[in-house]
Structure formats: C-alpha cells, structure tokens
Amino acid sequence: MAETPSRAVLITGCSTGIGRATATLLAQHGFTVYATARRVESLADLERSGCRTLALDVTDEASMQAAVAHVEQEAGAVGILVNNAGYSQSGTVEEIGMDAVRRQFETNVFGAARMCQLVLPGMRRQGFGRIVNVSSMGANFVFPGGGYYHATKAALGAISDALRFEVKGFGVDVVIIEPGLIRTE
C-alpha cells in the first residue's frame, strides 16, 4: 500500500526570480516548501515567510544527496520537485570556452537530471510525485549568442519528455515549463 503522499516541495534555485516566487506562492498555499540556493543566506526572507531553507548546489553530488535526505528525513519523501536552478551564459558558439559550456550543462542539465534520480525512489514508494522542470522558450526558439543555453534547455526538455513516459505508471507526473524572458535580479 502506498504511503500518504507528501506535500513537501523541494525547489532548486530560489535566490531570485522564478524559484523565489514559486517558493513564496506555494508556502502561502500551505505546502511545506524547502527553498534552496547555493548561498542559503540569500533565502532569509523566504524563511521568515514560512519556507524551510537549505543550501543546495546542483553541481555538487554530496550537496544534492544531503538536501534530498534532509527532506526525506523530515517529510518521508519529496512530493514535488521543482528543478529551477539554472543560468544563461551569453556569447557566440565560437567564443565561449568549453569550461564555461561544461559548467552550464552541469547546472542546467546534469544537476536537474540527478535531482530527478534522487527523488524518484521516494515518489515511487509513496505512489505519487510531480517533477517540474523549468526550461525556457529558448528550447524551441534559438537566437544568436545563446546557442549553448538553448542547447541546455532543449536537452532538459528531451529528458523531461522521456522521463514522463518512464514514470507515469508509478503515479509520478513530469511537467516542463518554458517561460520567456524573466527579470531575476
């Protein structure tokens, strides 16, 4: 028999923009929100508004494991994962160094994929879960100077589409959100 579904929401990248707004809104609606960022001190106001805050760097395996373990210890499982952490490295394909490209893929793609892997066992165990991957309209509409960013968001979309089919039978839904330009600072 499945467990009672967890109302715990783990959100990556809450220091600004979509992540911060999502954390605030879900806390106002009664969810137990775990708002995360690399620099937890940037989340003090979210803590005052009812969110629980955790340090989380989606490019660091130990950090990702610790955050998921913390939520599972307190709530039993992550009920909803919002993979929001990410950034845009502007510049032409020719000019951006490969180290910068790798960092962007590590954050925007591999970190999100690993977070999915870490929360899925708990979601399957409880027979419910929702994974929300924040992509970009840039996954579908490519502009000069954003090639690598667009590539990361297209990759996240492809992973999300495949994962949706893979976990549907376990009561887990995968959603991709593709917003336009957002002012984050």
Foldseek 3Di string as FASTA:
>chain_A
DADDAFLEEEEEDCLWDPLVVVLLVSVVVPGAYEREEQDQVSCVVSVVSRYHYDYADLLDPVRLLVVQVVCCVVTVAHAEYELDWADFDFDAPVPDDPVVLVVRLSRLPVSLVVNCVNRVVSCLRNLAHEYEYEAACLCPDPDGRGVSNNVSRVNNVVVQVVVQVVCVVSHYHYHYHHYYDIDID
